N, C-alpha and C. Protein backbone atom coordinates (compact mmCIF):
# COMPACT_ATOMS: atom_id res chain seq x y z
N MET A 1 79.74 80.49 19.03
CA MET A 1 78.76 81.36 18.44
C MET A 1 77.66 81.66 19.45
N LEU A 2 77.24 80.68 20.21
CA LEU A 2 76.21 80.90 21.20
C LEU A 2 76.68 81.87 22.28
N TYR A 3 77.96 81.77 22.64
CA TYR A 3 78.50 82.64 23.67
C TYR A 3 78.48 84.10 23.22
N ALA A 4 78.87 84.39 21.96
CA ALA A 4 78.89 85.77 21.43
C ALA A 4 77.48 86.35 21.39
N GLU A 5 76.49 85.55 20.98
CA GLU A 5 75.11 86.02 20.93
C GLU A 5 74.56 86.29 22.33
N LYS A 6 74.88 85.41 23.26
CA LYS A 6 74.44 85.59 24.65
C LYS A 6 75.08 86.84 25.25
N ASN A 7 76.34 87.07 24.94
CA ASN A 7 77.06 88.24 25.45
C ASN A 7 76.41 89.53 24.92
N LYS A 8 76.00 89.57 23.65
CA LYS A 8 75.34 90.74 23.08
C LYS A 8 74.01 91.01 23.77
N ARG A 9 73.27 89.95 24.04
CA ARG A 9 71.97 90.10 24.71
C ARG A 9 72.14 90.61 26.14
N VAL A 10 73.15 90.13 26.83
CA VAL A 10 73.42 90.59 28.20
C VAL A 10 73.78 92.07 28.19
N LYS A 11 74.63 92.47 27.25
CA LYS A 11 75.00 93.89 27.15
C LYS A 11 73.79 94.76 26.83
N LEU A 12 72.96 94.31 25.91
CA LEU A 12 71.76 95.07 25.55
C LEU A 12 70.83 95.20 26.74
N PHE A 13 70.64 94.10 27.47
CA PHE A 13 69.80 94.13 28.67
C PHE A 13 70.37 95.11 29.70
N PHE A 14 71.69 95.08 29.87
CA PHE A 14 72.35 95.98 30.82
C PHE A 14 72.12 97.45 30.43
N TYR A 15 72.28 97.81 29.16
CA TYR A 15 72.09 99.19 28.70
C TYR A 15 70.63 99.64 28.85
N ILE A 16 69.70 98.74 28.58
CA ILE A 16 68.28 99.09 28.74
C ILE A 16 67.97 99.35 30.20
N CYS A 17 68.48 98.51 31.10
CA CYS A 17 68.26 98.71 32.54
C CYS A 17 68.91 100.01 33.02
N LEU A 18 70.09 100.30 32.53
CA LEU A 18 70.79 101.52 32.92
C LEU A 18 70.01 102.76 32.47
N CYS A 19 69.55 102.75 31.24
CA CYS A 19 68.76 103.88 30.72
C CYS A 19 67.45 104.04 31.49
N ALA A 20 66.80 102.93 31.79
CA ALA A 20 65.55 102.99 32.54
C ALA A 20 65.79 103.53 33.95
N ALA A 21 66.92 103.22 34.54
CA ALA A 21 67.22 103.70 35.89
C ALA A 21 67.57 105.19 35.88
N LEU A 22 68.23 105.67 34.83
CA LEU A 22 68.66 107.07 34.77
C LEU A 22 67.58 108.01 34.25
N LEU A 23 66.60 107.52 33.54
CA LEU A 23 65.58 108.36 32.95
C LEU A 23 64.83 109.21 33.98
N PRO A 24 64.36 108.65 35.10
CA PRO A 24 63.66 109.50 36.08
C PRO A 24 64.55 110.59 36.67
N ILE A 25 65.84 110.30 36.80
CA ILE A 25 66.76 111.31 37.35
C ILE A 25 66.97 112.43 36.34
N ALA A 26 67.13 112.09 35.08
CA ALA A 26 67.38 113.10 34.04
C ALA A 26 66.17 113.98 33.82
N CYS A 27 64.97 113.46 33.98
CA CYS A 27 63.75 114.21 33.70
C CYS A 27 63.08 114.73 34.96
N LYS A 28 63.77 114.67 36.07
CA LYS A 28 63.17 115.06 37.34
C LYS A 28 62.84 116.55 37.36
N ASN A 29 61.64 116.90 37.75
CA ASN A 29 61.21 118.29 37.91
C ASN A 29 61.38 118.65 39.37
N THR A 30 62.21 119.63 39.65
CA THR A 30 62.49 119.99 41.03
C THR A 30 61.36 120.79 41.65
N GLY A 31 60.42 121.23 40.83
CA GLY A 31 59.31 122.02 41.35
C GLY A 31 59.64 123.49 41.46
N GLU A 32 60.88 123.86 41.23
CA GLU A 32 61.26 125.27 41.29
C GLU A 32 60.93 125.92 39.96
N SER A 33 60.45 127.12 40.02
CA SER A 33 60.12 127.85 38.80
C SER A 33 61.39 128.42 38.20
N SER A 34 61.57 128.23 36.91
CA SER A 34 62.74 128.79 36.23
C SER A 34 62.40 130.13 35.60
N GLU A 35 61.20 130.65 35.87
CA GLU A 35 60.77 131.89 35.24
C GLU A 35 60.86 133.07 36.19
N ARG A 36 61.99 133.22 36.84
CA ARG A 36 62.16 134.37 37.72
C ARG A 36 62.93 135.44 36.95
N VAL A 37 62.70 136.65 37.30
CA VAL A 37 63.38 137.76 36.65
C VAL A 37 64.49 138.21 37.58
N GLU A 38 65.70 138.17 37.06
CA GLU A 38 66.84 138.59 37.87
C GLU A 38 66.95 140.10 37.87
N GLU A 39 67.37 140.63 38.98
CA GLU A 39 67.56 142.08 39.08
C GLU A 39 68.82 142.45 38.32
N ILE A 40 68.73 143.53 37.58
CA ILE A 40 69.88 144.01 36.82
C ILE A 40 70.41 145.24 37.53
N ARG A 41 71.68 145.16 37.86
CA ARG A 41 72.30 146.27 38.58
C ARG A 41 72.54 147.45 37.65
N PRO A 42 72.24 148.66 38.10
CA PRO A 42 72.52 149.83 37.27
C PRO A 42 74.01 149.89 36.96
N GLY A 43 74.32 150.32 35.78
CA GLY A 43 75.72 150.47 35.38
C GLY A 43 76.34 149.16 34.93
N ALA A 44 75.53 148.20 34.54
CA ALA A 44 76.08 146.93 34.06
C ALA A 44 76.98 147.21 32.87
N ASN A 45 78.19 146.65 32.91
CA ASN A 45 79.16 146.93 31.85
C ASN A 45 78.94 146.09 30.61
N ASN A 46 78.38 144.93 30.76
CA ASN A 46 78.22 144.03 29.62
C ASN A 46 76.77 144.05 29.16
N ILE A 47 76.54 144.58 27.96
CA ILE A 47 75.17 144.68 27.45
C ILE A 47 74.57 143.30 27.22
N ALA A 48 75.41 142.28 27.03
CA ALA A 48 74.89 140.93 26.84
C ALA A 48 74.16 140.44 28.08
N GLU A 49 74.51 140.96 29.27
CA GLU A 49 73.83 140.58 30.50
C GLU A 49 72.37 141.01 30.48
N LEU A 50 72.03 141.99 29.67
CA LEU A 50 70.68 142.52 29.63
C LEU A 50 69.77 141.78 28.65
N ILE A 51 70.36 140.95 27.79
CA ILE A 51 69.57 140.25 26.78
C ILE A 51 68.76 139.14 27.45
N ARG A 52 67.48 139.15 27.20
CA ARG A 52 66.59 138.10 27.70
C ARG A 52 65.88 137.51 26.49
N ASN A 53 65.93 136.21 26.36
CA ASN A 53 65.22 135.56 25.27
C ASN A 53 64.04 134.82 25.88
N PRO A 54 62.82 135.33 25.66
CA PRO A 54 61.66 134.71 26.29
C PRO A 54 61.21 133.41 25.64
N ALA A 55 61.78 133.06 24.51
CA ALA A 55 61.35 131.85 23.81
C ALA A 55 62.16 130.64 24.30
N THR A 56 61.49 129.59 24.74
CA THR A 56 62.14 128.35 25.12
C THR A 56 61.40 127.21 24.46
N SER A 57 62.05 126.07 24.44
CA SER A 57 61.39 124.91 23.85
C SER A 57 60.47 124.21 24.83
N GLU A 58 60.58 124.55 26.12
CA GLU A 58 59.83 123.85 27.15
C GLU A 58 58.58 124.56 27.64
N ALA A 59 58.49 125.85 27.41
CA ALA A 59 57.39 126.61 28.00
C ALA A 59 56.83 127.59 26.99
N PRO A 60 55.63 128.08 27.25
CA PRO A 60 55.09 129.11 26.37
C PRO A 60 55.98 130.36 26.41
N THR A 61 55.94 131.14 25.36
CA THR A 61 56.74 132.34 25.28
C THR A 61 56.29 133.37 26.31
N ASP A 62 57.24 133.86 27.11
CA ASP A 62 56.95 134.88 28.12
C ASP A 62 57.24 136.24 27.50
N THR A 63 56.20 136.99 27.17
CA THR A 63 56.39 138.31 26.59
C THR A 63 56.07 139.41 27.59
N VAL A 64 55.84 139.04 28.85
CA VAL A 64 55.50 140.02 29.87
C VAL A 64 56.75 140.66 30.45
N ASN A 65 57.76 139.86 30.73
CA ASN A 65 58.95 140.34 31.42
C ASN A 65 60.09 140.69 30.47
N VAL A 66 59.77 141.27 29.33
CA VAL A 66 60.79 141.68 28.38
C VAL A 66 60.59 143.17 28.06
N PRO A 67 61.64 143.82 27.60
CA PRO A 67 61.47 145.21 27.16
C PRO A 67 60.55 145.28 25.96
N LYS A 68 59.86 146.38 25.83
CA LYS A 68 59.00 146.61 24.67
C LYS A 68 59.34 147.99 24.11
N ILE A 69 59.62 148.04 22.83
CA ILE A 69 59.99 149.31 22.20
C ILE A 69 58.77 149.84 21.45
N ARG A 70 58.41 151.08 21.73
CA ARG A 70 57.28 151.71 21.04
C ARG A 70 57.80 152.99 20.38
N PHE A 71 57.73 153.00 19.05
CA PHE A 71 58.15 154.17 18.28
C PHE A 71 56.98 155.12 18.12
N ASP A 72 57.27 156.42 18.12
CA ASP A 72 56.23 157.41 17.85
C ASP A 72 55.70 157.22 16.43
N HIS A 73 56.58 156.84 15.51
CA HIS A 73 56.22 156.52 14.13
C HIS A 73 57.32 155.61 13.58
N THR A 74 56.99 154.78 12.59
CA THR A 74 57.97 153.84 12.05
C THR A 74 58.30 154.08 10.59
N SER A 75 57.78 155.18 10.02
CA SER A 75 58.14 155.50 8.64
C SER A 75 58.24 157.02 8.48
N HIS A 76 59.05 157.42 7.50
CA HIS A 76 59.21 158.84 7.21
C HIS A 76 59.45 159.02 5.72
N ASP A 77 58.79 160.01 5.14
CA ASP A 77 58.96 160.35 3.73
C ASP A 77 59.70 161.68 3.65
N PHE A 78 60.90 161.67 3.11
CA PHE A 78 61.68 162.90 2.96
C PHE A 78 61.13 163.76 1.83
N GLY A 79 60.30 163.18 0.97
CA GLY A 79 59.78 163.92 -0.17
C GLY A 79 60.84 164.06 -1.23
N ASP A 80 60.81 165.20 -1.95
CA ASP A 80 61.79 165.45 -3.00
C ASP A 80 63.04 166.09 -2.41
N VAL A 81 64.20 165.53 -2.74
CA VAL A 81 65.48 166.14 -2.36
C VAL A 81 66.35 166.20 -3.60
N GLU A 82 67.28 167.11 -3.59
CA GLU A 82 68.19 167.27 -4.72
C GLU A 82 69.36 166.31 -4.57
N GLU A 83 69.77 165.70 -5.67
CA GLU A 83 70.89 164.78 -5.62
C GLU A 83 72.12 165.45 -5.01
N GLY A 84 72.74 164.77 -4.09
CA GLY A 84 73.90 165.30 -3.37
C GLY A 84 73.55 165.80 -1.97
N ASP A 85 72.26 166.02 -1.71
CA ASP A 85 71.83 166.45 -0.38
C ASP A 85 71.93 165.30 0.62
N ILE A 86 72.22 165.65 1.85
CA ILE A 86 72.20 164.69 2.95
C ILE A 86 71.09 165.11 3.88
N VAL A 87 70.14 164.19 4.13
CA VAL A 87 68.99 164.50 4.97
C VAL A 87 68.97 163.55 6.18
N ASN A 88 68.43 164.04 7.29
CA ASN A 88 68.36 163.27 8.52
C ASN A 88 66.94 163.23 9.05
N HIS A 89 66.62 162.14 9.73
CA HIS A 89 65.35 162.05 10.43
C HIS A 89 65.55 161.27 11.73
N THR A 90 64.84 161.69 12.77
CA THR A 90 64.93 161.04 14.07
C THR A 90 63.65 160.28 14.36
N PHE A 91 63.79 159.03 14.78
CA PHE A 91 62.67 158.19 15.19
C PHE A 91 62.71 158.07 16.72
N PRO A 92 61.88 158.84 17.44
CA PRO A 92 61.85 158.73 18.90
C PRO A 92 61.13 157.45 19.33
N PHE A 93 61.57 156.89 20.47
CA PHE A 93 60.93 155.68 20.99
C PHE A 93 60.92 155.71 22.51
N THR A 94 60.10 154.83 23.09
CA THR A 94 59.99 154.67 24.53
C THR A 94 60.07 153.19 24.87
N ASN A 95 60.75 152.85 25.96
CA ASN A 95 60.75 151.48 26.46
C ASN A 95 59.51 151.34 27.34
N VAL A 96 58.47 150.69 26.84
CA VAL A 96 57.23 150.51 27.59
C VAL A 96 57.19 149.14 28.27
N GLY A 97 58.33 148.46 28.32
CA GLY A 97 58.41 147.15 28.98
C GLY A 97 58.78 147.28 30.45
N LYS A 98 59.06 146.13 31.06
CA LYS A 98 59.34 146.06 32.50
C LYS A 98 60.82 145.90 32.83
N THR A 99 61.66 145.75 31.81
CA THR A 99 63.09 145.57 32.03
C THR A 99 63.86 146.48 31.08
N PRO A 100 65.17 146.73 31.34
CA PRO A 100 65.95 147.61 30.48
C PRO A 100 66.02 147.13 29.03
N LEU A 101 65.95 148.08 28.13
CA LEU A 101 65.99 147.83 26.68
C LEU A 101 67.42 148.01 26.19
N ALA A 102 67.95 147.01 25.51
CA ALA A 102 69.29 147.08 24.94
C ALA A 102 69.19 146.88 23.44
N ILE A 103 69.60 147.88 22.69
CA ILE A 103 69.61 147.77 21.23
C ILE A 103 70.95 147.19 20.82
N ALA A 104 70.92 146.03 20.20
CA ALA A 104 72.14 145.35 19.79
C ALA A 104 72.76 146.03 18.57
N HIS A 105 71.94 146.28 17.56
CA HIS A 105 72.41 147.00 16.38
C HIS A 105 71.23 147.47 15.54
N VAL A 106 71.54 148.42 14.66
CA VAL A 106 70.56 148.95 13.71
C VAL A 106 71.24 148.90 12.35
N ARG A 107 70.57 148.26 11.39
CA ARG A 107 71.19 148.08 10.07
C ARG A 107 70.28 148.60 8.99
N SER A 108 70.92 149.14 7.96
CA SER A 108 70.17 149.61 6.80
C SER A 108 70.50 148.71 5.61
N SER A 109 69.74 148.89 4.54
CA SER A 109 69.89 148.00 3.39
C SER A 109 71.03 148.40 2.46
N CYS A 110 71.56 149.62 2.60
CA CYS A 110 72.67 150.02 1.74
C CYS A 110 73.52 151.08 2.43
N GLY A 111 74.63 151.40 1.83
CA GLY A 111 75.57 152.37 2.41
C GLY A 111 75.09 153.80 2.37
N CYS A 112 74.04 154.09 1.61
CA CYS A 112 73.54 155.47 1.52
C CYS A 112 72.76 155.86 2.77
N THR A 113 72.37 154.87 3.57
CA THR A 113 71.58 155.11 4.76
C THR A 113 72.40 154.68 5.97
N SER A 114 72.64 155.61 6.90
CA SER A 114 73.42 155.25 8.08
C SER A 114 72.65 155.63 9.35
N PRO A 115 72.44 154.66 10.23
CA PRO A 115 71.72 154.90 11.47
C PRO A 115 72.66 155.20 12.64
N ASN A 116 72.13 155.88 13.64
CA ASN A 116 72.84 156.13 14.89
C ASN A 116 71.84 155.86 16.00
N TRP A 117 72.24 155.10 17.04
CA TRP A 117 71.31 154.69 18.09
C TRP A 117 72.00 154.71 19.45
N PRO A 118 71.22 154.70 20.54
CA PRO A 118 71.82 154.69 21.88
C PRO A 118 72.54 153.37 22.15
N LYS A 119 73.74 153.46 22.68
CA LYS A 119 74.53 152.26 22.97
C LYS A 119 74.33 151.77 24.40
N SER A 120 73.81 152.61 25.27
CA SER A 120 73.58 152.19 26.66
C SER A 120 72.12 151.79 26.84
N PRO A 121 71.83 150.94 27.83
CA PRO A 121 70.47 150.46 28.05
C PRO A 121 69.49 151.59 28.39
N ILE A 122 68.26 151.43 27.94
CA ILE A 122 67.18 152.37 28.21
C ILE A 122 66.32 151.74 29.31
N PRO A 123 66.18 152.38 30.46
CA PRO A 123 65.39 151.80 31.55
C PRO A 123 63.90 151.78 31.22
N PRO A 124 63.12 150.98 31.95
CA PRO A 124 61.67 150.98 31.73
C PRO A 124 61.11 152.40 31.86
N GLY A 125 60.31 152.81 30.90
CA GLY A 125 59.76 154.16 30.88
C GLY A 125 60.70 155.19 30.25
N GLY A 126 61.94 154.79 29.99
CA GLY A 126 62.93 155.70 29.41
C GLY A 126 62.70 155.92 27.92
N LYS A 127 63.26 157.02 27.45
CA LYS A 127 63.10 157.40 26.04
C LYS A 127 64.46 157.42 25.35
N GLY A 128 64.42 157.24 24.04
CA GLY A 128 65.62 157.30 23.23
C GLY A 128 65.22 157.66 21.81
N GLU A 129 66.22 157.71 20.93
CA GLU A 129 65.92 158.00 19.54
C GLU A 129 66.96 157.37 18.64
N ILE A 130 66.49 157.03 17.46
CA ILE A 130 67.36 156.49 16.41
C ILE A 130 67.37 157.51 15.29
N GLU A 131 68.56 157.98 14.97
CA GLU A 131 68.71 158.96 13.90
C GLU A 131 69.13 158.22 12.63
N VAL A 132 68.46 158.53 11.53
CA VAL A 132 68.76 157.92 10.24
C VAL A 132 69.20 159.02 9.28
N ARG A 133 70.37 158.82 8.68
CA ARG A 133 70.96 159.79 7.75
C ARG A 133 70.94 159.17 6.36
N PHE A 134 70.42 159.92 5.38
CA PHE A 134 70.36 159.44 4.00
C PHE A 134 71.20 160.36 3.12
N ASP A 135 72.16 159.78 2.39
CA ASP A 135 73.02 160.52 1.47
C ASP A 135 72.51 160.26 0.05
N SER A 136 72.00 161.30 -0.60
CA SER A 136 71.37 161.14 -1.91
C SER A 136 72.36 161.17 -3.07
N ASN A 137 73.63 161.30 -2.80
CA ASN A 137 74.64 161.37 -3.86
C ASN A 137 74.62 160.09 -4.71
N GLY A 138 74.34 160.23 -6.01
CA GLY A 138 74.31 159.10 -6.94
C GLY A 138 73.07 158.22 -6.80
N ARG A 139 72.02 158.73 -6.20
CA ARG A 139 70.81 157.94 -5.93
C ARG A 139 69.57 158.52 -6.60
N GLU A 140 69.68 159.01 -7.80
CA GLU A 140 68.56 159.67 -8.47
C GLU A 140 67.37 158.72 -8.62
N GLY A 141 66.17 159.25 -8.36
CA GLY A 141 64.94 158.47 -8.48
C GLY A 141 64.32 158.20 -7.12
N ALA A 142 63.22 157.48 -7.16
CA ALA A 142 62.49 157.16 -5.92
C ALA A 142 63.17 155.98 -5.21
N SER A 143 63.27 156.08 -3.89
CA SER A 143 63.89 155.02 -3.09
C SER A 143 63.08 154.79 -1.83
N SER A 144 63.07 153.55 -1.40
CA SER A 144 62.48 153.17 -0.12
C SER A 144 63.52 152.29 0.57
N LYS A 145 63.90 152.68 1.77
CA LYS A 145 64.97 151.97 2.49
C LYS A 145 64.48 151.49 3.84
N PRO A 146 64.57 150.17 4.11
CA PRO A 146 64.25 149.67 5.45
C PRO A 146 65.45 149.83 6.37
N VAL A 147 65.18 150.09 7.64
CA VAL A 147 66.20 150.17 8.68
C VAL A 147 65.74 149.21 9.78
N VAL A 148 66.52 148.14 10.02
CA VAL A 148 66.11 147.09 10.95
C VAL A 148 66.78 147.28 12.30
N VAL A 149 65.95 147.39 13.35
CA VAL A 149 66.42 147.57 14.72
C VAL A 149 66.36 146.20 15.40
N THR A 150 67.49 145.73 15.92
CA THR A 150 67.54 144.46 16.65
C THR A 150 67.82 144.76 18.11
N ALA A 151 66.93 144.27 18.99
CA ALA A 151 67.04 144.56 20.41
C ALA A 151 66.59 143.34 21.22
N ASN A 152 66.66 143.45 22.54
CA ASN A 152 66.25 142.36 23.43
C ASN A 152 64.75 142.40 23.68
N THR A 153 63.99 142.64 22.64
CA THR A 153 62.53 142.72 22.70
C THR A 153 61.94 141.45 22.11
N TYR A 154 60.63 141.34 22.18
CA TYR A 154 59.95 140.23 21.51
C TYR A 154 58.83 140.80 20.67
N PRO A 155 58.88 140.66 19.34
CA PRO A 155 59.93 140.03 18.57
C PRO A 155 61.22 140.86 18.62
N SER A 156 62.32 140.25 18.23
CA SER A 156 63.62 140.89 18.42
C SER A 156 63.93 141.96 17.38
N THR A 157 63.16 142.05 16.30
CA THR A 157 63.43 143.08 15.29
C THR A 157 62.21 143.95 15.06
N THR A 158 62.49 145.21 14.76
CA THR A 158 61.47 146.19 14.37
C THR A 158 62.02 146.89 13.13
N THR A 159 61.18 147.08 12.13
CA THR A 159 61.63 147.72 10.89
C THR A 159 61.09 149.13 10.79
N LEU A 160 62.01 150.06 10.58
CA LEU A 160 61.68 151.46 10.29
C LEU A 160 61.85 151.63 8.78
N ASN A 161 61.09 152.54 8.18
CA ASN A 161 61.18 152.75 6.73
C ASN A 161 61.33 154.23 6.41
N ILE A 162 62.21 154.50 5.46
CA ILE A 162 62.32 155.86 4.92
C ILE A 162 62.08 155.79 3.42
N THR A 163 61.44 156.83 2.90
CA THR A 163 61.25 156.95 1.45
C THR A 163 61.73 158.33 1.04
N VAL A 164 62.19 158.42 -0.19
CA VAL A 164 62.72 159.68 -0.70
C VAL A 164 62.65 159.66 -2.22
N ASN A 165 62.49 160.83 -2.81
CA ASN A 165 62.54 160.96 -4.26
C ASN A 165 63.68 161.93 -4.57
N VAL A 166 64.76 161.41 -5.15
CA VAL A 166 65.96 162.20 -5.43
C VAL A 166 65.86 162.76 -6.84
N LYS A 167 65.84 164.07 -6.92
CA LYS A 167 65.78 164.81 -8.20
C LYS A 167 67.20 165.11 -8.67
N ALA A 168 67.35 165.22 -9.99
CA ALA A 168 68.66 165.57 -10.55
C ALA A 168 69.11 166.92 -10.02
N SER A 169 70.39 167.03 -9.77
CA SER A 169 70.94 168.25 -9.20
C SER A 169 70.87 169.40 -10.21
N THR A 170 70.47 170.56 -9.72
CA THR A 170 70.44 171.77 -10.55
C THR A 170 71.63 172.65 -10.26
N LYS A 171 72.47 172.21 -9.33
CA LYS A 171 73.68 172.98 -8.99
C LYS A 171 74.68 172.86 -10.12
N LYS A 172 75.34 173.97 -10.43
CA LYS A 172 76.33 173.96 -11.50
C LYS A 172 77.72 173.87 -10.89
N ASP A 173 78.54 173.00 -11.46
CA ASP A 173 79.92 172.87 -11.00
C ASP A 173 80.72 174.04 -11.55
N ASN A 174 81.60 174.57 -10.73
CA ASN A 174 82.43 175.71 -11.16
C ASN A 174 83.77 175.23 -11.59
């Protein structure tokens, strides 16, 4: 019994010494800055290469070296439309950041609203637009629809809003 207890203590001592010896190596700071911005080659085929996430668990959030999307406006009211009408609106934007802007996707809250957006990166200072199409068929009454833009910006989402009041159709079926 004494031998088994002594063996456990020796093993525990060995593991503690091993961990103490490896801790400085595992936590060593090389002094090199990890906050460099890599150059992105024009014509990059993989849009994932353009995604930069400035949030880390080790450092403050870097919001300087990321794309920034600035919309001319973020809401639009179509006013009154007749049921069955399809209406469109364009939301122009500019990349006011320092790196290329990549829009991952744009989603709406229902099938009556369909967005269209640029699939290729927008360079710093470049302009683009998101077109939103609303189909009023079967949507009588007032509606407000959010359209969420997800991109490599900080924060990563921007919400656009459309509102519309769909009136009953006065068209007669033949």
